[in-house]
Amino acid sequence: MRKIAAGSVAIVLLAAHAVARAADPPPDEATAIRRVDAAVQARVNRIAGYTVTERYAVYRGKDETHPVAEMTVKTTYRRETGKSYQVVSQSGSSLIRRLGLDPLLEREKEINQPSEVAHSWITSANYDMKLKPGTQTLNGRECLEFAITPKRKAPNLVAGSVWVDAKDFTIAKLEGIASKAPSVFAGETHMMRQYAYVDGFSMATHARAESTTFLYGKTVVTIDYSGYNLELKP
């Protein structure tokens, strides 16, 4: 009887401990922001480079099933040199590729140069961040949501929301409006980027940008990322 009672007490204590942990409130805003900054810096410190296959697709008007132009590239990122691209395949309108996708890749090269890349990080150095109450579940991850406002205007900085994992504060999703149009021909651009764990690091897996202009109408660009190969610093 003593063994059964002792076992029962242990189970009750473990259950009570689990409930207490589940009921722990999220950190205060200042602490949460510091942990987001730390998670971004930890990722930067560990990833020396990577390769990934990126598939770009451009859609026009209401049709988001049949792309008018596509491009698949193998992207190589090195922390000391930035990004480079090798085109694997391309199809559809050469005009849209030349006026839309080629400049997009060039812009990515520019913002990922070693001297510039830190200006794109989702940290308190680049954004004012306001923690929203409660948590949300995104793709099975319990997340905290921050309202974010860029501290300067740039096509790669978004005014909207970022969701971070409530346990390790790595980024799960980013969504909002680009704080500056990428060109004089582009209208307001709504951007979204999803992340997932790759070898323990939060990496982009899908992105979408939508803009509408009087001249070109509605344009949607999607990017799907696959086949990551990370090079980690020891």
C-alpha atoms as a PDB file:
ATOM      1  CA  MET A   1       0.000   0.000   0.000  1.00  0.00           C
ATOM      2  CA  ARG A   2       2.835   2.402   0.772  1.00  0.00           C
ATOM      3  CA  LYS A   3       4.351   1.824  -2.699  1.00  0.00           C
ATOM      4  CA  ILE A   4       1.035   2.535  -4.427  1.00  0.00           C
ATOM      5  CA  ALA A   5       0.536   5.658  -2.314  1.00  0.00           C
ATOM      6  CA  ALA A   6       4.063   6.877  -2.993  1.00  0.00           C
ATOM      7  CA  GLY A   7       3.615   6.311  -6.720  1.00  0.00           C
ATOM      8  CA  SER A   8       0.311   8.138  -6.671  1.00  0.00           C
ATOM      9  CA  VAL A   9       1.871  11.084  -4.848  1.00  0.00           C
ATOM     10  CA  ALA A  10       4.679  11.231  -7.412  1.00  0.00           C
ATOM     11  CA  ILE A  11       2.189  11.253 -10.291  1.00  0.00           C
ATOM     12  CA  VAL A  12       0.164  13.998  -8.637  1.00  0.00           C
ATOM     13  CA  LEU A  13       3.298  16.082  -8.072  1.00  0.00           C
ATOM     14  CA  LEU A  14       4.450  15.642 -11.658  1.00  0.00           C
ATOM     15  CA  ALA A  15       1.021  16.589 -12.959  1.00  0.00           C
ATOM     16  CA  ALA A  16       0.906  19.644 -10.731  1.00  0.00           C
ATOM     17  CA  HIS A  17       4.376  20.676 -11.952  1.00  0.00           C
ATOM     18  CA  ALA A  18       3.290  20.287 -15.592  1.00  0.00           C
ATOM     19  CA  VAL A  19       0.184  22.373 -15.007  1.00  0.00           C
ATOM     20  CA  ALA A  20       2.233  25.044 -13.244  1.00  0.00           C
ATOM     21  CA  ARG A  21       4.679  25.206 -16.164  1.00  0.00           C
ATOM     22  CA  ALA A  22       1.866  25.382 -18.703  1.00  0.00           C
ATOM     23  CA  ALA A  23       0.319  28.225 -16.743  1.00  0.00           C
ATOM     24  CA  ASP A  24       3.524  30.264 -16.612  1.00  0.00           C
ATOM     25  CA  PRO A  25       2.798  33.690 -18.090  1.00  0.00           C
ATOM     26  CA  PRO A  26       4.761  34.871 -21.132  1.00  0.00           C
ATOM     27  CA  PRO A  27       7.716  37.163 -20.433  1.00  0.00           C
ATOM     28  CA  ASP A  28       7.216  40.899 -20.221  1.00  0.00           C
ATOM     29  CA  GLU A  29       7.664  42.889 -23.412  1.00  0.00           C
ATOM     30  CA  ALA A  30      11.215  44.089 -22.741  1.00  0.00           C
ATOM     31  CA  THR A  31      12.405  40.572 -21.907  1.00  0.00           C
ATOM     32  CA  ALA A  32      10.655  39.094 -24.947  1.00  0.00           C
ATOM     33  CA  ILE A  33      12.284  41.638 -27.265  1.00  0.00           C
ATOM     34  CA  ARG A  34      15.718  40.898 -25.814  1.00  0.00           C
ATOM     35  CA  ARG A  35      15.145  37.183 -26.408  1.00  0.00           C
ATOM     36  CA  VAL A  36      14.128  37.804 -30.031  1.00  0.00           C
ATOM     37  CA  ASP A  37      17.317  39.815 -30.551  1.00  0.00           C
ATOM     38  CA  ALA A  38      19.363  37.060 -28.913  1.00  0.00           C
ATOM     39  CA  ALA A  39      17.765  34.345 -31.073  1.00  0.00           C
ATOM     40  CA  VAL A  40      18.538  36.281 -34.260  1.00  0.00           C
ATOM     41  CA  GLN A  41      22.134  36.881 -33.155  1.00  0.00           C
ATOM     42  CA  ALA A  42      22.605  33.223 -32.205  1.00  0.00           C
ATOM     43  CA  ARG A  43      21.496  32.195 -35.705  1.00  0.00           C
ATOM     44  CA  VAL A  44      23.885  34.693 -37.288  1.00  0.00           C
ATOM     45  CA  ASN A  45      26.768  33.498 -35.126  1.00  0.00           C
ATOM     46  CA  ARG A  46      26.293  29.825 -36.024  1.00  0.00           C
ATOM     47  CA  ILE A  47      25.441  29.867 -39.747  1.00  0.00           C
ATOM     48  CA  ALA A  48      28.550  30.474 -41.844  1.00  0.00           C
ATOM     49  CA  GLY A  49      26.714  29.828 -45.107  1.00  0.00           C
ATOM     50  CA  TYR A  50      24.139  27.724 -46.901  1.00  0.00           C
ATOM     51  CA  THR A  51      22.813  26.655 -50.261  1.00  0.00           C
ATOM     52  CA  VAL A  52      19.120  26.417 -51.118  1.00  0.00           C
ATOM     53  CA  THR A  53      16.944  25.986 -54.188  1.00  0.00           C
ATOM     54  CA  GLU A  54      14.498  28.854 -54.692  1.00  0.00           C
ATOM     55  CA  ARG A  55      11.525  28.638 -57.088  1.00  0.00           C
ATOM     56  CA  TYR A  56      10.060  32.001 -58.131  1.00  0.00           C
ATOM     57  CA  ALA A  57       6.626  32.241 -59.747  1.00  0.00           C
ATOM     58  CA  VAL A  58       4.816  35.351 -61.016  1.00  0.00           C
ATOM     59  CA  TYR A  59       1.032  35.528 -61.320  1.00  0.00           C
ATOM     60  CA  ARG A  60      -1.089  38.267 -62.881  1.00  0.00           C
ATOM     61  CA  GLY A  61      -4.673  39.291 -62.192  1.00  0.00           C
ATOM     62  CA  LYS A  62      -6.966  36.809 -60.462  1.00  0.00           C
ATOM     63  CA  ASP A  63      -5.191  33.693 -61.716  1.00  0.00           C
ATOM     64  CA  GLU A  64      -2.845  32.338 -59.038  1.00  0.00           C
ATOM     65  CA  THR A  65      -2.778  28.867 -60.564  1.00  0.00           C
ATOM     66  CA  HIS A  66      -0.942  29.449 -63.830  1.00  0.00           C
ATOM     67  CA  PRO A  67       2.235  31.532 -63.499  1.00  0.00           C
ATOM     68  CA  VAL A  68       3.110  33.874 -66.357  1.00  0.00           C
ATOM     69  CA  ALA A  69       6.805  33.499 -65.547  1.00  0.00           C
ATOM     70  CA  GLU A  70       8.899  31.110 -63.458  1.00  0.00           C
ATOM     71  CA  MET A  71      12.519  30.858 -62.446  1.00  0.00           C
ATOM     72  CA  THR A  72      14.375  28.303 -60.342  1.00  0.00           C
ATOM     73  CA  VAL A  73      17.754  29.273 -58.944  1.00  0.00           C
ATOM     74  CA  LYS A  74      20.350  27.705 -56.722  1.00  0.00           C
ATOM     75  CA  THR A  75      21.253  30.273 -54.099  1.00  0.00           C
ATOM     76  CA  THR A  76      24.554  30.281 -52.256  1.00  0.00           C
ATOM     77  CA  TYR A  77      25.001  32.443 -49.193  1.00  0.00           C
ATOM     78  CA  ARG A  78      28.339  33.079 -47.544  1.00  0.00           C
ATOM     79  CA  ARG A  79      28.534  35.379 -44.555  1.00  0.00           C
ATOM     80  CA  GLU A  80      31.756  36.982 -45.764  1.00  0.00           C
ATOM     81  CA  THR A  81      30.562  37.608 -49.357  1.00  0.00           C
ATOM     82  CA  GLY A  82      26.734  37.606 -49.370  1.00  0.00           C
ATOM     83  CA  LYS A  83      24.449  35.892 -51.888  1.00  0.00           C
ATOM     84  CA  SER A  84      25.047  34.573 -55.388  1.00  0.00           C
ATOM     85  CA  TYR A  85      22.616  32.889 -57.770  1.00  0.00           C
ATOM     86  CA  GLN A  86      22.819  30.222 -60.447  1.00  0.00           C
ATOM     87  CA  VAL A  87      19.754  29.948 -62.701  1.00  0.00           C
ATOM     88  CA  VAL A  88      18.660  26.312 -62.974  1.00  0.00           C
ATOM     89  CA  SER A  89      15.571  26.795 -65.168  1.00  0.00           C
ATOM     90  CA  GLN A  90      13.218  29.515 -66.380  1.00  0.00           C
ATOM     91  CA  SER A  91      10.022  29.708 -68.414  1.00  0.00           C
ATOM     92  CA  GLY A  92       7.179  32.011 -69.381  1.00  0.00           C
ATOM     93  CA  SER A  93       7.393  35.700 -70.221  1.00  0.00           C
ATOM     94  CA  SER A  94      10.993  36.828 -70.730  1.00  0.00           C
ATOM     95  CA  LEU A  95       9.846  40.440 -70.304  1.00  0.00           C
ATOM     96  CA  ILE A  96       8.432  39.783 -66.820  1.00  0.00           C
ATOM     97  CA  ARG A  97      11.545  37.847 -65.842  1.00  0.00           C
ATOM     98  CA  ARG A  98      13.748  40.692 -67.030  1.00  0.00           C
ATOM     99  CA  LEU A  99      11.689  43.502 -65.467  1.00  0.00           C
ATOM    100  CA  GLY A 100      10.513  41.654 -62.350  1.00  0.00           C
ATOM    101  CA  LEU A 101      12.577  38.660 -61.281  1.00  0.00           C
ATOM    102  CA  ASP A 102      16.046  39.796 -62.369  1.00  0.00           C
ATOM    103  CA  PRO A 103      15.799  43.075 -60.387  1.00  0.00           C
ATOM    104  CA  LEU A 104      14.434  41.110 -57.410  1.00  0.00           C
ATOM    105  CA  LEU A 105      17.524  38.895 -57.353  1.00  0.00           C
ATOM    106  CA  GLU A 106      19.796  41.914 -57.710  1.00  0.00           C
ATOM    107  CA  ARG A 107      18.055  43.601 -54.788  1.00  0.00           C
ATOM    108  CA  GLU A 108      18.522  40.464 -52.692  1.00  0.00           C
ATOM    109  CA  LYS A 109      22.222  40.534 -53.515  1.00  0.00           C
ATOM    110  CA  GLU A 110      22.466  44.141 -52.381  1.00  0.00           C
ATOM    111  CA  ILE A 111      20.683  43.746 -49.041  1.00  0.00           C
ATOM    112  CA  ASN A 112      22.657  40.587 -48.205  1.00  0.00           C
ATOM    113  CA  GLN A 113      26.073  42.160 -48.670  1.00  0.00           C
ATOM    114  CA  PRO A 114      28.119  41.832 -45.448  1.00  0.00           C
ATOM    115  CA  SER A 115      27.971  45.581 -44.849  1.00  0.00           C
ATOM    116  CA  GLU A 116      24.168  45.728 -45.340  1.00  0.00           C
ATOM    117  CA  VAL A 117      22.648  42.471 -44.145  1.00  0.00           C
ATOM    118  CA  ALA A 118      22.254  43.510 -40.488  1.00  0.00           C
ATOM    119  CA  HIS A 119      19.891  46.301 -41.588  1.00  0.00           C
ATOM    120  CA  SER A 120      17.339  43.637 -42.639  1.00  0.00           C
ATOM    121  CA  TRP A 121      17.315  41.606 -39.436  1.00  0.00           C
ATOM    122  CA  ILE A 122      14.070  41.450 -37.484  1.00  0.00           C
ATOM    123  CA  THR A 123      15.486  42.957 -34.314  1.00  0.00           C
ATOM    124  CA  SER A 124      14.900  45.958 -32.095  1.00  0.00           C
ATOM    125  CA  ALA A 125      17.751  47.748 -33.902  1.00  0.00           C
ATOM    126  CA  ASN A 126      15.572  47.920 -37.024  1.00  0.00           C
ATOM    127  CA  TYR A 127      12.033  47.810 -35.594  1.00  0.00           C
ATOM    128  CA  ASP A 128       9.897  49.196 -32.835  1.00  0.00           C
ATOM    129  CA  MET A 129       8.277  46.040 -31.410  1.00  0.00           C
ATOM    130  CA  LYS A 130       5.093  45.768 -29.349  1.00  0.00           C
ATOM    131  CA  LEU A 131       4.183  42.437 -27.780  1.00  0.00           C
ATOM    132  CA  LYS A 132       0.537  41.453 -28.250  1.00  0.00           C
ATOM    133  CA  PRO A 133      -1.298  39.551 -25.477  1.00  0.00           C
ATOM    134  CA  GLY A 134      -1.719  35.779 -25.529  1.00  0.00           C
ATOM    135  CA  THR A 135      -0.276  33.156 -27.859  1.00  0.00           C
ATOM    136  CA  GLN A 136      -1.213  31.673 -31.231  1.00  0.00           C
ATOM    137  CA  THR A 137      -0.540  28.271 -32.790  1.00  0.00           C
ATOM    138  CA  LEU A 138       1.150  28.389 -36.191  1.00  0.00           C
ATOM    139  CA  ASN A 139       1.971  25.096 -37.914  1.00  0.00           C
ATOM    140  CA  GLY A 140       2.020  23.335 -34.539  1.00  0.00           C
ATOM    141  CA  ARG A 141       4.232  25.979 -32.889  1.00  0.00           C
ATOM    142  CA  GLU A 142       3.012  28.038 -29.948  1.00  0.00           C
ATOM    143  CA  CYS A 143       3.910  31.598 -30.897  1.00  0.00           C
ATOM    144  CA  LEU A 144       3.982  35.133 -29.562  1.00  0.00           C
ATOM    145  CA  GLU A 145       2.984  37.962 -31.898  1.00  0.00           C
ATOM    146  CA  PHE A 146       4.686  41.353 -32.077  1.00  0.00           C
ATOM    147  CA  ALA A 147       3.403  44.388 -33.932  1.00  0.00           C
ATOM    148  CA  ILE A 148       6.444  45.782 -35.729  1.00  0.00           C
ATOM    149  CA  THR A 149       7.139  49.229 -37.179  1.00  0.00           C
ATOM    150  CA  PRO A 150      10.357  49.846 -39.147  1.00  0.00           C
ATOM    151  CA  LYS A 151      12.627  52.567 -37.814  1.00  0.00           C
ATOM    152  CA  ARG A 152      13.336  53.649 -41.402  1.00  0.00           C
ATOM    153  CA  LYS A 153      11.706  53.117 -44.793  1.00  0.00           C
ATOM    154  CA  ALA A 154      13.115  50.392 -47.031  1.00  0.00           C
ATOM    155  CA  PRO A 155      11.605  47.827 -49.456  1.00  0.00           C
ATOM    156  CA  ASN A 156      12.877  44.950 -47.300  1.00  0.00           C
ATOM    157  CA  LEU A 157      11.420  46.271 -44.021  1.00  0.00           C
ATOM    158  CA  VAL A 158       7.812  45.443 -43.187  1.00  0.00           C
ATOM    159  CA  ALA A 159       5.205  47.276 -41.128  1.00  0.00           C
ATOM    160  CA  GLY A 160       2.965  44.566 -39.702  1.00  0.00           C
ATOM    161  CA  SER A 161       3.510  41.556 -37.450  1.00  0.00           C
ATOM    162  CA  VAL A 162       6.133  38.963 -36.651  1.00  0.00           C
ATOM    163  CA  TRP A 163       5.379  35.708 -34.868  1.00  0.00           C
ATOM    164  CA  VAL A 164       8.127  34.033 -32.829  1.00  0.00           C
ATOM    165  CA  ASP A 165       8.257  30.647 -31.147  1.00  0.00           C
ATOM    166  CA  ALA A 166       7.208  31.060 -27.510  1.00  0.00           C
ATOM    167  CA  LYS A 167       9.946  28.653 -26.361  1.00  0.00           C
ATOM    168  CA  ASP A 168      13.077  29.729 -28.209  1.00  0.00           C
ATOM    169  CA  PHE A 169      11.953  33.059 -29.771  1.00  0.00           C
ATOM    170  CA  THR A 170      13.004  32.079 -33.300  1.00  0.00           C
ATOM    171  CA  ILE A 171      10.938  33.549 -36.125  1.00  0.00           C
ATOM    172  CA  ALA A 172       7.946  31.561 -37.397  1.00  0.00           C
ATOM    173  CA  LYS A 173       6.208  34.083 -39.677  1.00  0.00           C
ATOM    174  CA  LEU A 174       6.467  37.665 -40.916  1.00  0.00           C
ATOM    175  CA  GLU A 175       3.616  39.562 -42.564  1.00  0.00           C
ATOM    176  CA  GLY A 176       2.826  43.171 -43.424  1.00  0.00           C
ATOM    177  CA  ILE A 177       3.278  46.037 -45.872  1.00  0.00           C
ATOM    178  CA  ALA A 178       6.680  46.984 -47.287  1.00  0.00           C
ATOM    179  CA  SER A 179       7.583  50.338 -45.760  1.00  0.00           C
ATOM    180  CA  LYS A 180       8.845  51.567 -49.140  1.00  0.00           C
ATOM    181  CA  ALA A 181       7.885  50.547 -52.683  1.00  0.00           C
ATOM    182  CA  PRO A 182      10.696  48.649 -54.434  1.00  0.00           C
ATOM    183  CA  SER A 183      10.375  50.923 -57.502  1.00  0.00           C
ATOM    184  CA  VAL A 184       8.444  53.942 -58.761  1.00  0.00           C
ATOM    185  CA  PHE A 185       6.273  51.542 -60.788  1.00  0.00           C
ATOM    186  CA  ALA A 186       5.237  49.389 -57.800  1.00  0.00           C
ATOM    187  CA  GLY A 187       2.281  50.171 -55.579  1.00  0.00           C
ATOM    188  CA  GLU A 188       1.744  49.160 -51.963  1.00  0.00           C
ATOM    189  CA  THR A 189       3.263  45.715 -51.511  1.00  0.00           C
ATOM    190  CA  HIS A 190       1.869  43.177 -49.054  1.00  0.00           C
ATOM    191  CA  MET A 191       4.536  40.688 -47.980  1.00  0.00           C
ATOM    192  CA  MET A 192       4.457  37.381 -46.117  1.00  0.00           C
ATOM    193  CA  ARG A 193       7.249  34.938 -45.259  1.00  0.00           C
ATOM    194  CA  GLN A 194       6.951  31.617 -43.431  1.00  0.00           C
ATOM    195  CA  TYR A 195       9.766  29.853 -41.584  1.00  0.00           C
ATOM    196  CA  ALA A 196      10.435  26.318 -40.383  1.00  0.00           C
ATOM    197  CA  TYR A 197      13.214  24.543 -38.516  1.00  0.00           C
ATOM    198  CA  VAL A 198      16.100  23.323 -40.661  1.00  0.00           C
ATOM    199  CA  ASP A 199      18.793  21.553 -38.649  1.00  0.00           C
ATOM    200  CA  GLY A 200      17.544  23.430 -35.600  1.00  0.00           C
ATOM    201  CA  PHE A 201      17.574  26.879 -37.246  1.00  0.00           C
ATOM    202  CA  SER A 202      14.639  28.978 -38.414  1.00  0.00           C
ATOM    203  CA  MET A 203      14.838  29.279 -42.215  1.00  0.00           C
ATOM    204  CA  ALA A 204      12.423  30.709 -44.798  1.00  0.00           C
ATOM    205  CA  THR A 205      10.295  28.095 -46.573  1.00  0.00           C
ATOM    206  CA  HIS A 206       7.683  30.168 -48.430  1.00  0.00           C
ATOM    207  CA  ALA A 207       7.242  33.833 -49.297  1.00  0.00           C
ATOM    208  CA  ARG A 208       4.545  35.837 -51.077  1.00  0.00           C
ATOM    209  CA  ALA A 209       4.430  39.451 -52.263  1.00  0.00           C
ATOM    210  CA  GLU A 210       1.346  41.087 -53.761  1.00  0.00           C
ATOM    211  CA  SER A 211       1.024  44.557 -55.285  1.00  0.00           C
ATOM    212  CA  THR A 212      -1.540  46.336 -57.451  1.00  0.00           C
ATOM    213  CA  THR A 213      -0.849  49.265 -59.740  1.00  0.00           C
ATOM    214  CA  PHE A 214      -2.915  51.193 -62.288  1.00  0.00           C
ATOM    215  CA  LEU A 215      -0.408  50.344 -65.004  1.00  0.00           C
ATOM    216  CA  TYR A 216       0.151  46.622 -64.345  1.00  0.00           C
ATOM    217  CA  GLY A 217      -2.848  45.572 -62.244  1.00  0.00           C
ATOM    218  CA  LYS A 218      -2.458  42.863 -59.628  1.00  0.00           C
ATOM    219  CA  THR A 219       0.839  40.984 -59.500  1.00  0.00           C
ATOM    220  CA  VAL A 220       1.763  38.187 -57.094  1.00  0.00           C
ATOM    221  CA  VAL A 221       5.247  36.754 -56.674  1.00  0.00           C
ATOM    222  CA  THR A 222       5.786  33.589 -54.658  1.00  0.00           C
ATOM    223  CA  ILE A 223       9.041  31.972 -53.586  1.00  0.00           C
ATOM    224  CA  ASP A 224       9.379  28.387 -52.364  1.00  0.00           C
ATOM    225  CA  TYR A 225      12.611  27.324 -50.675  1.00  0.00           C
ATOM    226  CA  SER A 226      13.803  23.690 -50.597  1.00  0.00           C
ATOM    227  CA  GLY A 227      16.898  21.557 -50.156  1.00  0.00           C
ATOM    228  CA  TYR A 228      18.748  23.631 -47.592  1.00  0.00           C
ATOM    229  CA  ASN A 229      22.329  22.643 -46.858  1.00  0.00           C
ATOM    230  CA  LEU A 230      23.689  24.611 -43.891  1.00  0.00           C
ATOM    231  CA  GLU A 231      27.344  25.203 -43.103  1.00  0.00           C
ATOM    232  CA  LEU A 232      27.689  25.812 -39.357  1.00  0.00           C
ATOM    233  CA  LYS A 233      30.487  27.361 -37.377  1.00  0.00           C
ATOM    234  CA  PRO A 234      31.788  25.061 -34.619  1.00  0.00           C
END
